[in-house]
Amino acid sequence: MTRKQKRGVLIGGGVATLALALILVLFALKDSIVFFHTPSDIVEKGVGPGRRIRLGGLVEQGSVVRGQGTTITFKVTDTLKDIPVTYTGVLPDLFKEGQGVVTEGVLEGDGTFKADTVLAKHDETYMPRDVAKALEAKGVKLGASAHPGQLKAEMP
């Protein structure tokens, strides 16, 4: 075997080894790659209790119940299924009913999700107050449903 052939075999073996390692890592992390699971995903995939996951969806209207101290219970829904969530701590300012939310925690045996982190999502119409004022000063009309801190810009 010539020197060039030996080098080709060595490079080919290295590439094959890296490809195999990448496949094994992706296979091991296949369920962790998803940013969050919806309530329907959790039911369909049969996620078992005790597993740490992210649950995302909308906070169901009328489901927020403030308990003793900083304990809050609410339901996360994707309009098909809903999962009750218990959280102890301070909620983000953007948290409200009907708003998007991503919670991180553990699914318990009784079907309740015990969250240790709650991230509220804002919609695409959000605009900081300073930016809205600057746009108004330049003559850009803002949407009728807009109010300071939550403004939607419309181009003239």
N, C-alpha and C. Protein backbone atom coordinates (compact mmCIF):
# COMPACT_ATOMS: atom_id res chain seq x y z
N MET A 1 0.85 -1.17 0.00
CA MET A 1 0.00 0.00 0.00
C MET A 1 0.90 1.24 0.00
N THR A 2 0.55 2.16 -0.85
CA THR A 2 1.37 3.36 -0.95
C THR A 2 1.05 4.32 0.19
N ARG A 3 1.89 5.30 0.31
CA ARG A 3 1.71 6.30 1.35
C ARG A 3 0.38 7.05 1.18
N LYS A 4 0.01 7.37 -0.05
CA LYS A 4 -1.23 8.08 -0.36
C LYS A 4 -2.44 7.22 0.02
N GLN A 5 -2.39 5.93 -0.23
CA GLN A 5 -3.48 5.03 0.12
C GLN A 5 -3.62 4.90 1.64
N LYS A 6 -2.50 4.84 2.34
CA LYS A 6 -2.54 4.75 3.81
C LYS A 6 -3.19 6.01 4.41
N ARG A 7 -2.83 7.16 3.86
CA ARG A 7 -3.39 8.43 4.32
C ARG A 7 -4.90 8.46 4.06
N GLY A 8 -5.34 7.98 2.89
CA GLY A 8 -6.76 7.94 2.55
C GLY A 8 -7.54 7.03 3.49
N VAL A 9 -6.97 5.86 3.82
CA VAL A 9 -7.62 4.94 4.74
C VAL A 9 -7.70 5.57 6.14
N LEU A 10 -6.67 6.24 6.57
CA LEU A 10 -6.65 6.89 7.88
C LEU A 10 -7.71 7.99 7.96
N ILE A 11 -7.79 8.82 6.93
CA ILE A 11 -8.78 9.90 6.90
C ILE A 11 -10.19 9.32 6.83
N GLY A 12 -10.41 8.32 6.01
CA GLY A 12 -11.72 7.66 5.90
C GLY A 12 -12.14 7.04 7.21
N GLY A 13 -11.21 6.40 7.91
CA GLY A 13 -11.53 5.80 9.22
C GLY A 13 -11.88 6.86 10.24
N GLY A 14 -11.18 8.00 10.21
CA GLY A 14 -11.48 9.09 11.14
C GLY A 14 -12.86 9.67 10.89
N VAL A 15 -13.19 9.89 9.62
CA VAL A 15 -14.51 10.42 9.28
C VAL A 15 -15.61 9.44 9.69
N ALA A 16 -15.39 8.14 9.46
CA ALA A 16 -16.38 7.13 9.84
C ALA A 16 -16.57 7.10 11.36
N THR A 17 -15.49 7.22 12.11
CA THR A 17 -15.56 7.24 13.58
C THR A 17 -16.34 8.45 14.07
N LEU A 18 -16.07 9.62 13.50
CA LEU A 18 -16.80 10.83 13.89
C LEU A 18 -18.28 10.73 13.53
N ALA A 19 -18.59 10.17 12.38
CA ALA A 19 -19.99 10.01 11.97
C ALA A 19 -20.72 9.07 12.92
N LEU A 20 -20.08 7.97 13.31
CA LEU A 20 -20.68 7.03 14.24
C LEU A 20 -20.92 7.70 15.60
N ALA A 21 -19.94 8.47 16.07
CA ALA A 21 -20.09 9.17 17.35
C ALA A 21 -21.26 10.17 17.29
N LEU A 22 -21.38 10.89 16.19
CA LEU A 22 -22.46 11.86 16.02
C LEU A 22 -23.82 11.16 16.02
N ILE A 23 -23.93 10.06 15.33
CA ILE A 23 -25.18 9.30 15.28
C ILE A 23 -25.57 8.81 16.68
N LEU A 24 -24.60 8.30 17.43
CA LEU A 24 -24.88 7.81 18.78
C LEU A 24 -25.33 8.95 19.70
N VAL A 25 -24.71 10.11 19.61
CA VAL A 25 -25.09 11.26 20.43
C VAL A 25 -26.49 11.72 20.08
N LEU A 26 -26.79 11.85 18.80
CA LEU A 26 -28.12 12.29 18.39
C LEU A 26 -29.19 11.28 18.80
N PHE A 27 -28.89 10.01 18.72
CA PHE A 27 -29.84 8.98 19.14
C PHE A 27 -30.11 9.07 20.64
N ALA A 28 -29.06 9.32 21.43
CA ALA A 28 -29.21 9.42 22.88
C ALA A 28 -29.99 10.67 23.28
N LEU A 29 -29.89 11.72 22.49
CA LEU A 29 -30.54 12.99 22.83
C LEU A 29 -31.81 13.26 22.05
N LYS A 30 -32.34 12.27 21.34
CA LYS A 30 -33.46 12.52 20.43
C LYS A 30 -34.66 13.17 21.11
N ASP A 31 -34.96 12.83 22.36
CA ASP A 31 -36.09 13.43 23.05
C ASP A 31 -35.74 14.76 23.71
N SER A 32 -34.47 15.01 23.94
CA SER A 32 -34.04 16.25 24.60
C SER A 32 -33.83 17.39 23.62
N ILE A 33 -33.77 17.11 22.34
CA ILE A 33 -33.51 18.14 21.34
C ILE A 33 -34.70 19.09 21.21
N VAL A 34 -35.91 18.61 21.44
CA VAL A 34 -37.11 19.42 21.33
C VAL A 34 -37.09 20.49 22.40
N PHE A 35 -37.44 21.76 22.04
CA PHE A 35 -37.42 22.84 23.01
C PHE A 35 -38.44 22.60 24.12
N PHE A 36 -39.64 22.18 23.76
CA PHE A 36 -40.64 21.83 24.76
C PHE A 36 -41.65 20.87 24.16
N HIS A 37 -42.39 20.21 25.03
CA HIS A 37 -43.45 19.29 24.63
C HIS A 37 -44.79 19.92 24.95
N THR A 38 -45.77 19.77 24.08
CA THR A 38 -47.13 20.23 24.36
C THR A 38 -47.85 19.15 25.17
N PRO A 39 -48.97 19.49 25.81
CA PRO A 39 -49.72 18.47 26.55
C PRO A 39 -50.10 17.27 25.68
N SER A 40 -50.47 17.52 24.42
CA SER A 40 -50.81 16.39 23.52
C SER A 40 -49.60 15.51 23.26
N ASP A 41 -48.41 16.12 23.09
CA ASP A 41 -47.18 15.34 22.89
C ASP A 41 -46.92 14.43 24.08
N ILE A 42 -47.12 14.94 25.27
CA ILE A 42 -46.84 14.17 26.49
C ILE A 42 -47.77 12.97 26.58
N VAL A 43 -49.05 13.17 26.23
CA VAL A 43 -50.01 12.06 26.26
C VAL A 43 -49.68 11.05 25.17
N GLU A 44 -49.40 11.52 23.95
CA GLU A 44 -49.12 10.62 22.83
C GLU A 44 -47.84 9.81 23.05
N LYS A 45 -46.79 10.45 23.55
CA LYS A 45 -45.51 9.77 23.74
C LYS A 45 -45.47 8.94 25.01
N GLY A 46 -46.46 9.10 25.87
CA GLY A 46 -46.49 8.33 27.12
C GLY A 46 -45.34 8.66 28.04
N VAL A 47 -45.06 9.95 28.21
CA VAL A 47 -43.97 10.38 29.08
C VAL A 47 -44.29 9.94 30.50
N GLY A 48 -43.36 9.21 31.10
CA GLY A 48 -43.57 8.67 32.44
C GLY A 48 -43.25 9.66 33.54
N PRO A 49 -43.77 9.41 34.73
CA PRO A 49 -43.50 10.29 35.86
C PRO A 49 -42.04 10.27 36.26
N GLY A 50 -41.59 11.39 36.83
CA GLY A 50 -40.21 11.49 37.31
C GLY A 50 -39.22 11.97 36.27
N ARG A 51 -39.64 12.11 35.05
CA ARG A 51 -38.73 12.54 33.99
C ARG A 51 -38.76 14.06 33.86
N ARG A 52 -37.60 14.68 33.76
CA ARG A 52 -37.49 16.14 33.66
C ARG A 52 -37.70 16.55 32.20
N ILE A 53 -38.69 17.42 31.98
CA ILE A 53 -39.01 17.88 30.63
C ILE A 53 -39.42 19.35 30.67
N ARG A 54 -39.61 19.91 29.49
CA ARG A 54 -40.19 21.25 29.34
C ARG A 54 -41.58 21.09 28.76
N LEU A 55 -42.54 21.76 29.38
CA LEU A 55 -43.94 21.72 28.96
C LEU A 55 -44.31 23.10 28.45
N GLY A 56 -44.86 23.17 27.25
CA GLY A 56 -45.22 24.47 26.68
C GLY A 56 -46.62 24.48 26.13
N GLY A 57 -47.21 25.66 26.11
CA GLY A 57 -48.55 25.84 25.58
C GLY A 57 -49.11 27.16 26.04
N LEU A 58 -50.43 27.22 26.16
CA LEU A 58 -51.10 28.43 26.62
C LEU A 58 -51.63 28.21 28.03
N VAL A 59 -51.61 29.29 28.85
CA VAL A 59 -52.22 29.22 30.17
C VAL A 59 -53.73 29.25 29.96
N GLU A 60 -54.42 28.21 30.39
CA GLU A 60 -55.86 28.09 30.17
C GLU A 60 -56.62 29.20 30.91
N GLN A 61 -57.60 29.79 30.22
CA GLN A 61 -58.42 30.85 30.81
C GLN A 61 -59.15 30.33 32.06
N GLY A 62 -59.09 31.10 33.14
CA GLY A 62 -59.79 30.75 34.37
C GLY A 62 -59.15 29.65 35.19
N SER A 63 -57.93 29.24 34.87
CA SER A 63 -57.31 28.13 35.58
C SER A 63 -56.29 28.55 36.63
N VAL A 64 -55.94 29.82 36.68
CA VAL A 64 -54.91 30.27 37.62
C VAL A 64 -55.51 30.40 39.02
N VAL A 65 -54.92 29.64 39.97
CA VAL A 65 -55.37 29.67 41.36
C VAL A 65 -54.15 29.94 42.23
N ARG A 66 -54.20 31.02 42.96
CA ARG A 66 -53.09 31.37 43.86
C ARG A 66 -53.33 30.71 45.20
N GLY A 67 -52.33 29.93 45.63
CA GLY A 67 -52.43 29.21 46.89
C GLY A 67 -51.75 29.96 48.01
N GLN A 68 -51.35 29.22 49.02
CA GLN A 68 -50.68 29.79 50.17
C GLN A 68 -49.28 30.25 49.80
N GLY A 69 -48.91 31.43 50.19
CA GLY A 69 -47.58 31.96 49.91
C GLY A 69 -47.40 32.24 48.42
N THR A 70 -46.36 31.68 47.85
CA THR A 70 -46.07 31.92 46.43
C THR A 70 -46.42 30.72 45.56
N THR A 71 -47.25 29.80 46.07
CA THR A 71 -47.65 28.63 45.30
C THR A 71 -48.81 28.98 44.37
N ILE A 72 -48.65 28.65 43.11
CA ILE A 72 -49.66 28.93 42.10
C ILE A 72 -49.94 27.65 41.33
N THR A 73 -51.22 27.39 41.05
CA THR A 73 -51.57 26.27 40.17
C THR A 73 -52.31 26.84 38.96
N PHE A 74 -52.05 26.25 37.82
CA PHE A 74 -52.72 26.64 36.58
C PHE A 74 -52.65 25.48 35.62
N LYS A 75 -53.37 25.59 34.52
CA LYS A 75 -53.35 24.53 33.51
C LYS A 75 -52.69 25.05 32.25
N VAL A 76 -51.84 24.21 31.65
CA VAL A 76 -51.23 24.50 30.35
C VAL A 76 -51.98 23.67 29.32
N THR A 77 -52.42 24.33 28.26
CA THR A 77 -53.21 23.65 27.24
C THR A 77 -52.66 23.92 25.85
N ASP A 78 -52.95 23.00 24.95
CA ASP A 78 -52.65 23.23 23.53
C ASP A 78 -53.97 23.18 22.74
N THR A 79 -55.07 23.41 23.43
CA THR A 79 -56.46 23.40 22.96
C THR A 79 -57.00 22.00 22.73
N LEU A 80 -56.15 20.99 22.75
CA LEU A 80 -56.61 19.60 22.63
C LEU A 80 -56.58 18.90 23.99
N LYS A 81 -55.50 19.05 24.69
CA LYS A 81 -55.30 18.45 26.02
C LYS A 81 -54.80 19.55 26.95
N ASP A 82 -54.95 19.31 28.27
CA ASP A 82 -54.37 20.24 29.23
C ASP A 82 -53.74 19.45 30.37
N ILE A 83 -52.75 20.07 31.00
CA ILE A 83 -52.03 19.45 32.11
C ILE A 83 -51.98 20.46 33.25
N PRO A 84 -52.40 20.06 34.47
CA PRO A 84 -52.31 20.95 35.62
C PRO A 84 -50.84 21.14 36.04
N VAL A 85 -50.49 22.37 36.38
CA VAL A 85 -49.12 22.71 36.75
C VAL A 85 -49.14 23.34 38.13
N THR A 86 -48.18 22.96 38.97
CA THR A 86 -47.98 23.57 40.28
C THR A 86 -46.62 24.23 40.27
N TYR A 87 -46.57 25.49 40.71
CA TYR A 87 -45.31 26.24 40.73
C TYR A 87 -45.23 27.04 42.01
N THR A 88 -44.08 27.00 42.65
CA THR A 88 -43.83 27.80 43.84
C THR A 88 -42.71 28.77 43.52
N GLY A 89 -43.02 30.05 43.55
CA GLY A 89 -42.03 31.08 43.24
C GLY A 89 -42.71 32.30 42.67
N VAL A 90 -41.89 33.22 42.21
CA VAL A 90 -42.40 34.46 41.63
C VAL A 90 -42.56 34.25 40.12
N LEU A 91 -43.76 34.55 39.62
CA LEU A 91 -44.04 34.40 38.19
C LEU A 91 -43.47 35.57 37.40
N PRO A 92 -43.11 35.35 36.13
CA PRO A 92 -42.64 36.46 35.29
C PRO A 92 -43.74 37.50 35.08
N ASP A 93 -43.36 38.73 34.79
CA ASP A 93 -44.31 39.81 34.60
C ASP A 93 -45.28 39.55 33.44
N LEU A 94 -44.83 38.86 32.40
CA LEU A 94 -45.66 38.60 31.23
C LEU A 94 -46.64 37.44 31.42
N PHE A 95 -46.59 36.75 32.55
CA PHE A 95 -47.46 35.61 32.79
C PHE A 95 -48.90 36.08 32.98
N LYS A 96 -49.81 35.52 32.19
CA LYS A 96 -51.24 35.78 32.35
C LYS A 96 -52.02 34.71 31.61
N GLU A 97 -53.30 34.64 31.89
CA GLU A 97 -54.16 33.66 31.25
C GLU A 97 -54.26 33.95 29.75
N GLY A 98 -54.25 32.89 28.96
CA GLY A 98 -54.33 33.03 27.51
C GLY A 98 -53.01 33.34 26.85
N GLN A 99 -51.95 33.49 27.63
CA GLN A 99 -50.62 33.83 27.11
C GLN A 99 -49.78 32.56 27.00
N GLY A 100 -48.81 32.57 26.10
CA GLY A 100 -47.91 31.43 25.94
C GLY A 100 -46.98 31.30 27.13
N VAL A 101 -46.66 30.05 27.47
CA VAL A 101 -45.80 29.79 28.62
C VAL A 101 -44.99 28.51 28.36
N VAL A 102 -43.76 28.48 28.86
CA VAL A 102 -42.95 27.27 28.85
C VAL A 102 -42.52 27.03 30.29
N THR A 103 -42.81 25.84 30.81
CA THR A 103 -42.45 25.49 32.17
C THR A 103 -41.45 24.34 32.13
N GLU A 104 -40.57 24.33 33.10
CA GLU A 104 -39.57 23.27 33.17
C GLU A 104 -39.70 22.60 34.53
N GLY A 105 -39.76 21.28 34.52
CA GLY A 105 -39.91 20.56 35.77
C GLY A 105 -40.11 19.08 35.56
N VAL A 106 -40.87 18.46 36.48
CA VAL A 106 -41.04 17.01 36.49
C VAL A 106 -42.52 16.66 36.49
N LEU A 107 -42.88 15.69 35.67
CA LEU A 107 -44.24 15.17 35.65
C LEU A 107 -44.39 14.19 36.81
N GLU A 108 -45.41 14.42 37.63
CA GLU A 108 -45.61 13.56 38.79
C GLU A 108 -46.56 12.41 38.46
N GLY A 109 -46.64 11.44 39.35
CA GLY A 109 -47.44 10.24 39.13
C GLY A 109 -48.93 10.50 38.95
N ASP A 110 -49.45 11.55 39.58
CA ASP A 110 -50.88 11.85 39.48
C ASP A 110 -51.24 12.68 38.25
N GLY A 111 -50.26 12.94 37.37
CA GLY A 111 -50.51 13.68 36.14
C GLY A 111 -50.28 15.18 36.27
N THR A 112 -49.92 15.63 37.47
CA THR A 112 -49.62 17.05 37.69
C THR A 112 -48.16 17.31 37.33
N PHE A 113 -47.93 18.46 36.75
CA PHE A 113 -46.57 18.86 36.39
C PHE A 113 -46.06 19.80 37.46
N LYS A 114 -44.98 19.42 38.14
CA LYS A 114 -44.39 20.26 39.19
C LYS A 114 -43.26 21.06 38.55
N ALA A 115 -43.52 22.34 38.34
CA ALA A 115 -42.56 23.21 37.65
C ALA A 115 -41.63 23.88 38.65
N ASP A 116 -40.36 24.00 38.25
CA ASP A 116 -39.42 24.79 39.04
C ASP A 116 -38.97 26.04 38.30
N THR A 117 -39.36 26.14 37.02
CA THR A 117 -39.07 27.32 36.20
C THR A 117 -40.28 27.61 35.32
N VAL A 118 -40.66 28.88 35.24
CA VAL A 118 -41.76 29.30 34.35
C VAL A 118 -41.25 30.44 33.49
N LEU A 119 -41.35 30.28 32.18
CA LEU A 119 -40.95 31.31 31.23
C LEU A 119 -42.18 31.75 30.47
N ALA A 120 -42.53 33.03 30.56
CA ALA A 120 -43.68 33.55 29.83
C ALA A 120 -43.21 34.04 28.48
N LYS A 121 -44.01 33.78 27.45
CA LYS A 121 -43.67 34.20 26.10
C LYS A 121 -44.59 35.35 25.71
N HIS A 122 -44.02 36.35 25.02
CA HIS A 122 -44.86 37.42 24.52
C HIS A 122 -45.09 37.20 23.04
N ASP A 123 -46.14 37.82 22.52
CA ASP A 123 -46.43 37.63 21.10
C ASP A 123 -45.58 38.56 20.25
N GLU A 124 -45.70 38.42 18.95
CA GLU A 124 -44.86 39.18 18.03
C GLU A 124 -45.25 40.65 17.92
N THR A 125 -46.33 41.07 18.58
CA THR A 125 -46.74 42.46 18.51
C THR A 125 -46.05 43.33 19.56
N TYR A 126 -45.26 42.74 20.43
CA TYR A 126 -44.60 43.50 21.49
C TYR A 126 -43.61 44.51 20.91
N MET A 127 -43.61 45.68 21.50
CA MET A 127 -42.64 46.70 21.11
C MET A 127 -42.33 47.55 22.34
N PRO A 128 -41.05 47.76 22.67
CA PRO A 128 -40.71 48.59 23.82
C PRO A 128 -41.26 50.01 23.67
N ARG A 129 -41.57 50.64 24.78
CA ARG A 129 -42.17 51.97 24.80
C ARG A 129 -41.31 53.01 24.07
N ASP A 130 -39.99 52.99 24.29
CA ASP A 130 -39.10 53.97 23.65
C ASP A 130 -39.11 53.82 22.13
N VAL A 131 -39.14 52.58 21.65
CA VAL A 131 -39.16 52.35 20.20
C VAL A 131 -40.49 52.84 19.63
N ALA A 132 -41.59 52.58 20.34
CA ALA A 132 -42.90 53.03 19.88
C ALA A 132 -42.96 54.56 19.78
N LYS A 133 -42.43 55.24 20.78
CA LYS A 133 -42.43 56.71 20.76
C LYS A 133 -41.58 57.24 19.61
N ALA A 134 -40.44 56.60 19.38
CA ALA A 134 -39.57 57.03 18.28
C ALA A 134 -40.26 56.84 16.93
N LEU A 135 -40.98 55.72 16.77
CA LEU A 135 -41.71 55.47 15.53
C LEU A 135 -42.85 56.47 15.34
N GLU A 136 -43.56 56.76 16.42
CA GLU A 136 -44.65 57.74 16.34
C GLU A 136 -44.10 59.11 15.93
N ALA A 137 -42.95 59.48 16.47
CA ALA A 137 -42.33 60.76 16.15
C ALA A 137 -41.95 60.83 14.67
N LYS A 138 -41.67 59.67 14.08
CA LYS A 138 -41.29 59.64 12.66
C LYS A 138 -42.50 59.48 11.75
N GLY A 139 -43.71 59.41 12.32
CA GLY A 139 -44.91 59.35 11.51
C GLY A 139 -45.44 57.96 11.24
N VAL A 140 -44.90 56.93 11.89
CA VAL A 140 -45.40 55.57 11.70
C VAL A 140 -46.65 55.41 12.56
N LYS A 141 -47.76 54.97 11.93
CA LYS A 141 -49.00 54.76 12.67
C LYS A 141 -48.92 53.44 13.42
N LEU A 142 -49.35 53.48 14.67
CA LEU A 142 -49.37 52.28 15.49
C LEU A 142 -50.78 51.73 15.52
N GLY A 143 -50.91 50.40 15.66
CA GLY A 143 -52.20 49.73 15.61
C GLY A 143 -53.19 50.25 16.63
N ALA A 144 -54.48 50.11 16.34
CA ALA A 144 -55.54 50.62 17.21
C ALA A 144 -55.56 49.89 18.55
N SER A 145 -55.18 48.61 18.55
CA SER A 145 -55.21 47.85 19.79
C SER A 145 -53.93 48.02 20.60
N ALA A 146 -53.03 48.84 20.11
CA ALA A 146 -51.74 49.00 20.77
C ALA A 146 -51.85 49.92 21.98
N HIS A 147 -51.04 49.63 22.97
CA HIS A 147 -50.90 50.52 24.12
C HIS A 147 -49.43 50.51 24.51
N PRO A 148 -48.95 51.50 25.27
CA PRO A 148 -47.54 51.60 25.57
C PRO A 148 -46.98 50.31 26.14
N GLY A 149 -45.82 49.95 25.64
CA GLY A 149 -45.16 48.72 26.07
C GLY A 149 -45.61 47.50 25.30
N GLN A 150 -46.73 47.58 24.62
CA GLN A 150 -47.27 46.45 23.87
C GLN A 150 -47.85 47.02 22.58
N LEU A 151 -47.02 47.51 21.71
CA LEU A 151 -47.49 48.24 20.54
C LEU A 151 -47.21 47.47 19.26
N LYS A 152 -48.10 47.65 18.31
CA LYS A 152 -47.95 47.00 17.02
C LYS A 152 -47.80 48.10 15.96
N ALA A 153 -46.73 48.06 15.22
CA ALA A 153 -46.48 49.10 14.23
C ALA A 153 -47.10 48.74 12.90
N GLU A 154 -47.66 49.74 12.23
CA GLU A 154 -48.18 49.58 10.88
C GLU A 154 -47.47 50.60 10.02
N MET A 155 -46.97 50.18 8.90
CA MET A 155 -46.28 51.11 8.00
C MET A 155 -47.32 51.94 7.25
N PRO A 156 -47.09 53.27 7.05
CA PRO A 156 -48.05 54.13 6.36
C PRO A 156 -48.17 53.79 4.89
